[in-house]
Structures are given as C-alpha cells and as structure tokens.
N, C-alpha and C. Protein backbone atom coordinates (compact mmCIF):
# COMPACT_ATOMS: atom_id res chain seq x y z
N MET A 1 24.23 143.68 -147.10
CA MET A 1 24.26 142.97 -148.43
C MET A 1 24.12 141.53 -148.30
N LEU A 2 24.81 141.12 -147.13
CA LEU A 2 24.69 139.65 -146.91
C LEU A 2 23.33 139.41 -146.51
N GLU A 3 22.53 140.04 -146.05
CA GLU A 3 21.09 139.83 -145.66
C GLU A 3 20.29 139.82 -147.04
N VAL A 4 20.63 140.68 -147.90
CA VAL A 4 19.94 140.51 -149.14
C VAL A 4 20.26 139.34 -149.95
N LEU A 5 21.48 138.80 -149.90
CA LEU A 5 21.78 137.68 -150.51
C LEU A 5 21.23 136.38 -149.96
N ALA A 6 21.10 136.39 -148.51
CA ALA A 6 20.57 135.19 -147.79
C ALA A 6 19.08 135.35 -148.14
N THR A 7 18.37 136.37 -148.23
CA THR A 7 17.03 136.36 -148.54
C THR A 7 16.89 135.83 -150.11
N CYS A 8 17.74 136.00 -150.99
CA CYS A 8 17.52 135.57 -152.20
C CYS A 8 17.94 134.17 -152.37
N ALA A 9 18.41 133.41 -151.49
CA ALA A 9 18.72 132.14 -151.49
C ALA A 9 17.41 131.25 -151.66
N PHE A 10 16.36 131.81 -150.97
CA PHE A 10 15.20 130.95 -150.99
C PHE A 10 14.05 131.66 -151.59
N LYS A 11 14.11 132.82 -152.11
CA LYS A 11 13.09 133.71 -152.65
C LYS A 11 13.65 134.32 -154.01
N PRO A 12 12.90 134.70 -155.03
CA PRO A 12 13.46 135.47 -156.20
C PRO A 12 14.36 136.61 -155.91
N MET A 13 15.22 136.87 -156.68
CA MET A 13 16.07 138.09 -156.48
C MET A 13 15.16 139.38 -156.43
N ASN A 14 15.47 140.33 -155.73
CA ASN A 14 14.84 141.59 -155.59
C ASN A 14 15.54 142.36 -156.62
N PHE A 15 14.83 143.64 -157.00
CA PHE A 15 15.37 144.49 -158.07
C PHE A 15 16.68 145.05 -157.70
N ILE A 16 17.29 145.23 -156.51
CA ILE A 16 18.47 145.80 -156.22
C ILE A 16 19.55 144.78 -156.77
N LEU A 17 19.36 143.53 -156.36
CA LEU A 17 20.19 142.43 -156.71
C LEU A 17 20.23 142.13 -158.20
N LEU A 18 18.95 142.30 -158.88
CA LEU A 18 18.97 142.08 -160.29
C LEU A 18 19.76 143.25 -160.99
N PHE A 19 19.57 144.45 -160.62
CA PHE A 19 20.50 145.50 -161.16
C PHE A 19 21.72 145.40 -160.94
N PHE A 20 22.25 144.82 -159.78
CA PHE A 20 23.63 144.57 -159.42
C PHE A 20 24.19 143.58 -160.42
N TYR A 21 23.37 142.38 -160.52
CA TYR A 21 23.76 141.35 -161.40
C TYR A 21 23.99 141.71 -162.83
N GLN A 22 23.10 142.65 -163.27
CA GLN A 22 23.14 143.18 -164.59
C GLN A 22 24.43 143.97 -164.89
N PHE A 23 24.73 144.81 -163.75
CA PHE A 23 25.95 145.49 -163.81
C PHE A 23 27.18 144.65 -163.77
N LEU A 24 27.21 143.52 -163.16
CA LEU A 24 28.25 142.67 -163.18
C LEU A 24 28.44 142.05 -164.61
N ILE A 25 27.36 141.73 -165.17
CA ILE A 25 27.38 141.03 -166.47
C ILE A 25 27.99 142.04 -167.43
N GLU A 26 27.60 143.29 -167.39
CA GLU A 26 27.97 144.35 -168.46
C GLU A 26 29.42 144.88 -168.31
N HIS A 27 29.81 145.00 -166.84
CA HIS A 27 31.10 145.65 -166.56
C HIS A 27 32.26 144.60 -166.14
N GLY A 28 31.83 143.45 -165.87
CA GLY A 28 32.88 142.46 -165.45
C GLY A 28 33.99 142.15 -166.67
N PRO A 29 33.53 141.86 -167.79
CA PRO A 29 34.50 141.75 -168.89
C PRO A 29 35.43 142.90 -169.08
N GLU A 30 34.72 144.11 -168.81
CA GLU A 30 35.75 145.19 -169.01
C GLU A 30 36.79 145.35 -167.83
N GLU A 31 36.50 144.85 -166.74
CA GLU A 31 37.54 144.92 -165.74
C GLU A 31 38.27 143.60 -165.60
N ASN A 32 38.26 142.82 -166.76
CA ASN A 32 38.99 141.52 -166.74
C ASN A 32 38.43 140.52 -165.60
N ARG A 33 37.16 140.61 -165.42
CA ARG A 33 36.64 139.78 -164.47
C ARG A 33 35.33 139.06 -165.12
N GLY A 34 35.55 138.38 -166.12
CA GLY A 34 34.50 137.90 -166.95
C GLY A 34 33.55 137.14 -166.25
N LEU A 35 33.92 136.32 -165.29
CA LEU A 35 32.99 135.44 -164.59
C LEU A 35 32.50 135.87 -163.23
N VAL A 36 32.56 136.97 -163.00
CA VAL A 36 32.20 137.55 -161.62
C VAL A 36 30.56 137.52 -161.44
N ASP A 37 29.93 137.59 -162.51
CA ASP A 37 28.46 137.31 -162.44
C ASP A 37 28.09 135.85 -162.06
N GLN A 38 28.74 134.95 -162.53
CA GLN A 38 28.50 133.62 -162.18
C GLN A 38 28.93 133.37 -160.69
N ASP A 39 29.95 134.04 -160.09
CA ASP A 39 30.43 134.18 -158.77
C ASP A 39 29.38 134.28 -157.80
N LEU A 40 28.61 135.48 -158.15
CA LEU A 40 27.58 135.93 -157.42
C LEU A 40 26.45 134.76 -157.38
N ILE A 41 26.20 134.14 -158.47
CA ILE A 41 25.17 133.09 -158.29
C ILE A 41 25.59 132.01 -157.54
N PHE A 42 26.81 131.51 -157.64
CA PHE A 42 27.48 130.51 -156.91
C PHE A 42 27.34 130.83 -155.39
N TYR A 43 27.72 132.05 -155.02
CA TYR A 43 27.75 132.46 -153.62
C TYR A 43 26.27 132.38 -153.13
N ILE A 44 25.20 132.62 -153.87
CA ILE A 44 23.84 132.63 -153.30
C ILE A 44 23.57 130.92 -153.25
N GLU A 45 24.03 130.36 -154.15
CA GLU A 45 23.68 128.77 -153.90
C GLU A 45 24.57 128.38 -152.82
N VAL A 46 25.71 128.83 -152.42
CA VAL A 46 26.32 128.33 -151.15
C VAL A 46 25.55 128.76 -150.09
N LEU A 47 24.92 129.91 -149.92
CA LEU A 47 24.13 130.29 -148.85
C LEU A 47 22.82 129.54 -148.68
N ARG A 48 22.33 128.80 -149.69
CA ARG A 48 21.16 127.91 -149.44
C ARG A 48 21.66 126.85 -148.73
N TYR A 49 22.81 126.30 -148.77
CA TYR A 49 23.17 125.26 -147.84
C TYR A 49 23.78 125.63 -146.59
N GLN A 50 24.19 126.66 -146.36
CA GLN A 50 24.49 127.30 -145.06
C GLN A 50 23.43 127.70 -144.29
N VAL A 51 22.33 128.41 -144.72
CA VAL A 51 21.20 128.80 -144.10
C VAL A 51 20.29 127.42 -143.85
N GLY A 52 20.16 126.81 -144.94
CA GLY A 52 19.23 125.63 -144.75
C GLY A 52 19.83 124.60 -144.02
C-alpha cells in the first residue's frame, strides 16, 4: 500500500486508491472518524516531501 501512496504523490490517484478514498468518505463518520479521508490526503502530501 505504501508503494501505491508513493506513486500517487506525483501522479493522479489510481482507481484502487480512489475507491478507498470514497470508502473513507462514506464510512469514516459512521465509525466516528470524520476526518480520516483528509488524513489520507495529508499522508500523500507528506510523501511528496519525503520522496522528493
């Protein structure tokens, strides 16, 4: 999964990650984790600085 996230740091998200992001948006609030989708985006942004 880390390789997929590192790839998405510099390229558009692939379908697997888009579906996972959609899942987080839909089910995050149900699990009382309302901002978990934003955490994923933040982690991808952090990878840009680590890889680059």
